[in-house]
Amino acid sequence: YPLPRIDDLFDQLQGSSVYSKIDLQSGYHQLRVREEDVPKTTFRTRYGHYEFQVMPFALTNALAVFMDLMNRVCKPYLDKFMIGFINDILVYSKKKKEHEEHLKTILKLLKKEKLYAKFSKCEFWIPKV
């Protein structure tokens, strides 16, 4: 899956003065494996056979599936006031009042889509990135 070029991402931030970084907790593990695909994730240890119920990090297409989800979910806001990079979201704004609205919008979206952030790794209302 093609990741966005870092210089293109920085170009989007021109003129912004306030930022919030949101780290999605255990990124891939928030995606459930389709029931019919669960047996495909089986692995064996000396303690028995196990199956993943959520997407493991080691799957070949895990990055592509997760990035596709993020791009579909966040499409209305991408390149306007939000950047998604794997399991990180950056909300950027020119003014504080505008940032309040942008942040509310993204947090409501994450709640609606049942995507959870790891609060200890998030930073809100920061002056630079």
Foldseek 3Di string as FASTA:
>chain_A
DDFDDPVVVVVLQPLWFWKKKWFFPPQQQQAFDPPVCQVVQWDADPVGIDTDRTDDPPDPCSQVVSVVVVCVLCVVCPSPQWDDGRRMIMGTHNDPVVSVVSVVVVVVSCVVVVTHTDVVPMDGTDRDD
